[in-house]
N, C-alpha and C. Protein backbone atom coordinates (compact mmCIF):
# COMPACT_ATOMS: atom_id res chain seq x y z
N MET A 1 -59.91 28.36 -47.20
CA MET A 1 -58.73 27.88 -47.83
C MET A 1 -57.54 28.83 -47.63
N THR A 2 -57.82 30.05 -47.53
CA THR A 2 -56.74 31.02 -47.38
C THR A 2 -56.00 30.81 -46.05
N ALA A 3 -56.72 30.43 -45.04
CA ALA A 3 -56.09 30.21 -43.75
C ALA A 3 -55.15 29.01 -43.85
N ILE A 4 -55.59 27.97 -44.54
CA ILE A 4 -54.74 26.79 -44.69
C ILE A 4 -53.52 27.14 -45.54
N GLY A 5 -53.72 27.90 -46.58
CA GLY A 5 -52.61 28.33 -47.46
C GLY A 5 -51.62 29.19 -46.70
N ASN A 6 -52.17 30.10 -45.86
CA ASN A 6 -51.28 30.96 -45.06
C ASN A 6 -50.48 30.11 -44.06
N SER A 7 -51.12 29.13 -43.41
CA SER A 7 -50.39 28.31 -42.46
C SER A 7 -49.34 27.47 -43.15
N ILE A 8 -49.64 26.96 -44.33
CA ILE A 8 -48.65 26.17 -45.07
C ILE A 8 -47.48 27.07 -45.47
N THR A 9 -47.78 28.27 -45.94
CA THR A 9 -46.74 29.22 -46.34
C THR A 9 -45.86 29.57 -45.14
N THR A 10 -46.50 29.79 -44.00
CA THR A 10 -45.74 30.12 -42.78
C THR A 10 -44.88 28.93 -42.36
N ALA A 11 -45.45 27.72 -42.42
CA ALA A 11 -44.70 26.53 -42.04
C ALA A 11 -43.51 26.31 -42.97
N VAL A 12 -43.73 26.53 -44.27
CA VAL A 12 -42.64 26.38 -45.25
C VAL A 12 -41.55 27.42 -44.97
N ALA A 13 -41.95 28.65 -44.67
CA ALA A 13 -40.97 29.70 -44.38
C ALA A 13 -40.17 29.36 -43.12
N ASP A 14 -40.87 28.85 -42.11
CA ASP A 14 -40.18 28.45 -40.87
C ASP A 14 -39.20 27.31 -41.13
N LEU A 15 -39.63 26.33 -41.96
CA LEU A 15 -38.75 25.22 -42.29
C LEU A 15 -37.52 25.69 -43.07
N LYS A 16 -37.73 26.68 -43.98
CA LYS A 16 -36.59 27.21 -44.74
C LYS A 16 -35.59 27.89 -43.79
N ILE A 17 -36.12 28.61 -42.80
CA ILE A 17 -35.25 29.27 -41.81
C ILE A 17 -34.48 28.22 -41.00
N GLN A 18 -35.19 27.17 -40.57
CA GLN A 18 -34.53 26.10 -39.80
C GLN A 18 -33.47 25.40 -40.64
N ILE A 19 -33.79 25.15 -41.92
CA ILE A 19 -32.82 24.51 -42.81
C ILE A 19 -31.58 25.40 -42.97
N GLN A 20 -31.80 26.70 -43.14
CA GLN A 20 -30.69 27.63 -43.29
C GLN A 20 -29.83 27.65 -42.01
N GLN A 21 -30.49 27.67 -40.84
CA GLN A 21 -29.75 27.65 -39.57
C GLN A 21 -28.98 26.34 -39.41
N THR A 22 -29.59 25.23 -39.79
CA THR A 22 -28.93 23.94 -39.71
C THR A 22 -27.71 23.90 -40.64
N ASN A 23 -27.88 24.43 -41.84
CA ASN A 23 -26.76 24.48 -42.78
C ASN A 23 -25.62 25.36 -42.24
N GLU A 24 -25.97 26.49 -41.62
CA GLU A 24 -24.95 27.36 -41.03
C GLU A 24 -24.23 26.65 -39.87
N SER A 25 -25.01 25.94 -39.05
CA SER A 25 -24.41 25.18 -37.95
C SER A 25 -23.47 24.11 -38.49
N THR A 26 -23.91 23.41 -39.53
CA THR A 26 -23.09 22.37 -40.14
C THR A 26 -21.80 22.96 -40.70
N THR A 27 -21.91 24.08 -41.37
CA THR A 27 -20.73 24.75 -41.92
C THR A 27 -19.78 25.16 -40.79
N SER A 28 -20.34 25.70 -39.72
CA SER A 28 -19.53 26.11 -38.57
C SER A 28 -18.85 24.90 -37.94
N LEU A 29 -19.59 23.81 -37.77
CA LEU A 29 -19.02 22.59 -37.20
C LEU A 29 -17.94 22.01 -38.10
N ASP A 30 -18.14 22.07 -39.41
CA ASP A 30 -17.11 21.60 -40.33
C ASP A 30 -15.83 22.41 -40.17
N GLY A 31 -15.97 23.72 -40.01
CA GLY A 31 -14.80 24.59 -39.79
C GLY A 31 -14.11 24.24 -38.47
N ASP A 32 -14.91 24.04 -37.42
CA ASP A 32 -14.34 23.65 -36.13
C ASP A 32 -13.61 22.31 -36.23
N LEU A 33 -14.22 21.37 -36.94
CA LEU A 33 -13.62 20.05 -37.11
C LEU A 33 -12.28 20.16 -37.83
N THR A 34 -12.23 20.97 -38.88
CA THR A 34 -10.98 21.18 -39.62
C THR A 34 -9.92 21.80 -38.72
N THR A 35 -10.31 22.78 -37.91
CA THR A 35 -9.38 23.43 -36.99
C THR A 35 -8.86 22.43 -35.96
N LEU A 36 -9.76 21.63 -35.41
CA LEU A 36 -9.36 20.64 -34.41
C LEU A 36 -8.44 19.57 -35.01
N LYS A 37 -8.73 19.15 -36.23
CA LYS A 37 -7.86 18.17 -36.88
C LYS A 37 -6.46 18.75 -37.09
N ALA A 38 -6.39 20.02 -37.46
CA ALA A 38 -5.09 20.67 -37.66
C ALA A 38 -4.33 20.75 -36.33
N LYS A 39 -5.04 21.10 -35.25
CA LYS A 39 -4.40 21.17 -33.94
C LYS A 39 -3.91 19.79 -33.50
N ILE A 40 -4.72 18.76 -33.72
CA ILE A 40 -4.33 17.40 -33.36
C ILE A 40 -3.08 16.98 -34.13
N GLU A 41 -3.05 17.27 -35.41
CA GLU A 41 -1.89 16.92 -36.23
C GLU A 41 -0.65 17.66 -35.76
N LYS A 42 -0.81 18.94 -35.41
CA LYS A 42 0.32 19.73 -34.91
C LYS A 42 0.85 19.13 -33.61
N ARG A 43 -0.05 18.76 -32.70
CA ARG A 43 0.36 18.17 -31.43
C ARG A 43 1.01 16.81 -31.64
N ARG A 44 0.51 16.04 -32.61
CA ARG A 44 1.08 14.74 -32.91
C ARG A 44 2.53 14.90 -33.39
N ILE A 45 2.75 15.88 -34.24
CA ILE A 45 4.10 16.15 -34.75
C ILE A 45 5.01 16.60 -33.60
N GLU A 46 4.49 17.47 -32.72
CA GLU A 46 5.27 17.92 -31.56
C GLU A 46 5.62 16.73 -30.66
N LEU A 47 4.67 15.83 -30.46
CA LEU A 47 4.90 14.64 -29.64
C LEU A 47 5.99 13.76 -30.26
N GLN A 48 5.93 13.56 -31.57
CA GLN A 48 6.95 12.75 -32.23
C GLN A 48 8.33 13.38 -32.06
N ARG A 49 8.40 14.71 -32.24
CA ARG A 49 9.67 15.41 -32.06
C ARG A 49 10.20 15.25 -30.64
N ALA A 50 9.29 15.40 -29.67
CA ALA A 50 9.69 15.29 -28.26
C ALA A 50 10.15 13.86 -27.95
N GLN A 51 9.48 12.86 -28.51
CA GLN A 51 9.88 11.47 -28.29
C GLN A 51 11.25 11.19 -28.90
N LYS A 52 11.51 11.73 -30.08
CA LYS A 52 12.83 11.56 -30.70
C LYS A 52 13.90 12.22 -29.84
N ARG A 53 13.60 13.41 -29.34
CA ARG A 53 14.56 14.14 -28.50
C ARG A 53 14.82 13.36 -27.21
N LEU A 54 13.76 12.83 -26.61
CA LEU A 54 13.92 12.04 -25.38
C LEU A 54 14.77 10.81 -25.64
N LYS A 55 14.51 10.14 -26.75
CA LYS A 55 15.29 8.94 -27.09
C LYS A 55 16.76 9.31 -27.28
N GLY A 56 17.01 10.46 -27.91
CA GLY A 56 18.38 10.91 -28.11
C GLY A 56 19.05 11.28 -26.80
N LEU A 57 18.32 11.91 -25.90
CA LEU A 57 18.89 12.32 -24.62
C LEU A 57 19.08 11.14 -23.66
N ALA A 58 18.27 10.12 -23.84
CA ALA A 58 18.38 8.97 -22.94
C ALA A 58 19.74 8.28 -23.09
N GLY A 59 20.31 8.32 -24.27
CA GLY A 59 21.60 7.69 -24.49
C GLY A 59 22.79 8.56 -24.13
N VAL A 60 22.54 9.83 -23.85
CA VAL A 60 23.63 10.75 -23.56
C VAL A 60 23.94 10.73 -22.08
N ARG A 61 25.20 10.60 -21.76
CA ARG A 61 25.63 10.59 -20.37
C ARG A 61 26.05 12.00 -20.00
N PRO A 62 25.52 12.55 -18.90
CA PRO A 62 25.88 13.92 -18.52
C PRO A 62 27.39 14.05 -18.27
N ALA A 63 27.93 15.22 -18.53
CA ALA A 63 29.36 15.46 -18.39
C ALA A 63 29.82 15.29 -16.94
N TRP A 64 28.98 15.59 -16.01
CA TRP A 64 29.35 15.54 -14.59
C TRP A 64 29.22 14.15 -13.98
N MET A 65 28.72 13.18 -14.73
CA MET A 65 28.45 11.86 -14.17
C MET A 65 29.73 11.16 -13.72
N ASP A 66 30.84 11.29 -14.46
CA ASP A 66 32.10 10.65 -14.06
C ASP A 66 32.56 11.19 -12.71
N GLU A 67 32.53 12.50 -12.58
CA GLU A 67 32.94 13.12 -11.32
C GLU A 67 32.02 12.68 -10.18
N PHE A 68 30.73 12.62 -10.46
CA PHE A 68 29.76 12.20 -9.45
C PHE A 68 30.06 10.77 -8.97
N GLU A 69 30.30 9.87 -9.90
CA GLU A 69 30.57 8.48 -9.52
C GLU A 69 31.87 8.37 -8.72
N SER A 70 32.88 9.15 -9.11
CA SER A 70 34.13 9.15 -8.37
C SER A 70 33.91 9.67 -6.94
N LEU A 71 33.17 10.75 -6.81
CA LEU A 71 32.89 11.31 -5.49
C LEU A 71 32.04 10.35 -4.66
N GLU A 72 31.15 9.64 -5.32
CA GLU A 72 30.31 8.68 -4.61
C GLU A 72 31.17 7.55 -4.02
N LYS A 73 32.15 7.07 -4.79
CA LYS A 73 33.05 6.03 -4.29
C LYS A 73 33.87 6.56 -3.12
N ASP A 74 34.35 7.80 -3.25
CA ASP A 74 35.12 8.40 -2.14
C ASP A 74 34.25 8.52 -0.90
N LEU A 75 33.01 8.90 -1.08
CA LEU A 75 32.09 9.05 0.05
C LEU A 75 31.88 7.72 0.75
N ILE A 76 31.75 6.66 0.00
CA ILE A 76 31.57 5.33 0.60
C ILE A 76 32.78 4.97 1.44
N LYS A 77 33.99 5.25 0.93
CA LYS A 77 35.21 4.94 1.68
C LYS A 77 35.27 5.76 2.97
N VAL A 78 34.96 7.05 2.86
CA VAL A 78 35.01 7.93 4.03
C VAL A 78 33.97 7.49 5.06
N TYR A 79 32.79 7.11 4.61
CA TYR A 79 31.75 6.66 5.53
C TYR A 79 32.17 5.38 6.24
N ASP A 80 32.79 4.46 5.50
CA ASP A 80 33.26 3.22 6.12
C ASP A 80 34.29 3.52 7.21
N ARG A 81 35.20 4.46 6.92
CA ARG A 81 36.19 4.83 7.94
C ARG A 81 35.51 5.47 9.14
N TYR A 82 34.51 6.31 8.89
CA TYR A 82 33.77 6.96 9.98
C TYR A 82 33.11 5.91 10.87
N VAL A 83 32.44 4.93 10.26
CA VAL A 83 31.75 3.90 11.03
C VAL A 83 32.75 3.10 11.86
N SER A 84 33.87 2.78 11.25
CA SER A 84 34.90 2.02 11.97
C SER A 84 35.42 2.83 13.17
N LYS A 85 35.70 4.08 12.97
CA LYS A 85 36.21 4.92 14.07
C LYS A 85 35.14 5.12 15.14
N PHE A 86 33.90 5.25 14.73
CA PHE A 86 32.81 5.42 15.70
C PHE A 86 32.68 4.17 16.57
N ARG A 87 32.78 2.99 15.95
CA ARG A 87 32.71 1.75 16.71
C ARG A 87 33.88 1.65 17.70
N ASN A 88 35.06 1.99 17.20
CA ASN A 88 36.24 1.95 18.07
C ASN A 88 36.08 2.90 19.25
N LEU A 89 35.58 4.10 18.97
CA LEU A 89 35.38 5.07 20.03
C LEU A 89 34.39 4.54 21.06
N ALA A 90 33.30 3.98 20.61
CA ALA A 90 32.30 3.43 21.53
C ALA A 90 32.91 2.31 22.37
N TYR A 91 33.72 1.47 21.75
CA TYR A 91 34.37 0.37 22.47
C TYR A 91 35.32 0.93 23.53
N TYR A 92 36.16 1.90 23.14
CA TYR A 92 37.11 2.47 24.09
C TYR A 92 36.41 3.21 25.23
N GLU A 93 35.31 3.87 24.92
CA GLU A 93 34.55 4.54 25.99
C GLU A 93 34.00 3.52 26.97
N SER A 94 33.52 2.38 26.47
CA SER A 94 33.01 1.35 27.39
C SER A 94 34.14 0.77 28.23
N LEU A 95 35.35 0.62 27.65
CA LEU A 95 36.50 0.14 28.42
C LEU A 95 36.86 1.12 29.52
N VAL A 96 36.85 2.42 29.18
CA VAL A 96 37.17 3.45 30.18
C VAL A 96 36.16 3.40 31.32
N GLU A 97 34.89 3.24 31.00
CA GLU A 97 33.86 3.15 32.03
C GLU A 97 34.09 1.94 32.94
N GLU A 98 34.45 0.80 32.35
CA GLU A 98 34.72 -0.39 33.14
C GLU A 98 35.92 -0.19 34.06
N ILE A 99 36.97 0.43 33.52
CA ILE A 99 38.17 0.69 34.33
C ILE A 99 37.84 1.61 35.49
N ILE A 100 37.03 2.65 35.21
CA ILE A 100 36.64 3.58 36.29
C ILE A 100 35.86 2.84 37.36
N LYS A 101 34.95 1.95 36.96
CA LYS A 101 34.16 1.18 37.94
C LYS A 101 35.07 0.28 38.76
N VAL A 102 36.00 -0.38 38.10
CA VAL A 102 36.91 -1.27 38.82
C VAL A 102 37.75 -0.47 39.81
N GLU A 103 38.26 0.68 39.39
CA GLU A 103 39.06 1.53 40.29
C GLU A 103 38.23 2.03 41.46
N GLN A 104 36.97 2.40 41.20
CA GLN A 104 36.11 2.87 42.29
C GLN A 104 35.85 1.74 43.28
N ASN A 105 35.58 0.54 42.76
CA ASN A 105 35.37 -0.61 43.64
C ASN A 105 36.63 -0.89 44.46
N ALA A 106 37.78 -0.80 43.80
CA ALA A 106 39.03 -1.03 44.50
C ALA A 106 39.23 0.03 45.59
N MET A 107 38.92 1.26 45.33
CA MET A 107 39.05 2.33 46.32
C MET A 107 38.11 2.09 47.49
N MET A 108 36.90 1.64 47.17
CA MET A 108 35.93 1.39 48.23
C MET A 108 36.39 0.23 49.12
N VAL A 109 36.95 -0.79 48.50
CA VAL A 109 37.45 -1.93 49.26
C VAL A 109 38.62 -1.48 50.12
N ASN A 110 39.55 -0.70 49.55
CA ASN A 110 40.69 -0.20 50.31
C ASN A 110 40.24 0.73 51.44
N ALA A 111 39.26 1.52 51.18
CA ALA A 111 38.77 2.45 52.20
C ALA A 111 38.11 1.67 53.35
N SER A 112 37.39 0.61 53.00
CA SER A 112 36.73 -0.17 54.05
C SER A 112 37.75 -0.98 54.85
N HIS A 113 38.83 -1.44 54.20
CA HIS A 113 39.89 -2.18 54.90
C HIS A 113 40.70 -1.22 55.77
N SER A 114 40.93 0.01 55.31
CA SER A 114 41.69 0.98 56.10
C SER A 114 40.90 1.45 57.30
N ALA A 115 39.62 1.53 57.14
CA ALA A 115 38.78 2.01 58.23
C ALA A 115 38.66 0.94 59.31
N SER A 116 38.82 -0.29 59.00
CA SER A 116 38.66 -1.33 60.00
C SER A 116 39.87 -1.57 60.80
């Protein structure tokens, strides 16, 4: 009987140790849970603040925007003039090339008539 009593006593002692460890783990997890909930709440508040700030900034027009839009309009006008002048230049260059070809042909015809 003593062996059975000793094993029961040992088993009870082991169970008490396991219960104590489980209780310590539970207490530790409860502390971690409380810490995590506090962090989540802090981040939620930060997010709300950031969203309010974003909403406020979305309606604000930067000070430089008027100047930017004015310069953008000027740029469009300058680019249109550039394109027009580039087209004109290309056209005049093609005319010059045609005139040179016509003059060369005329010279060749005159040279062949003079040689004959």
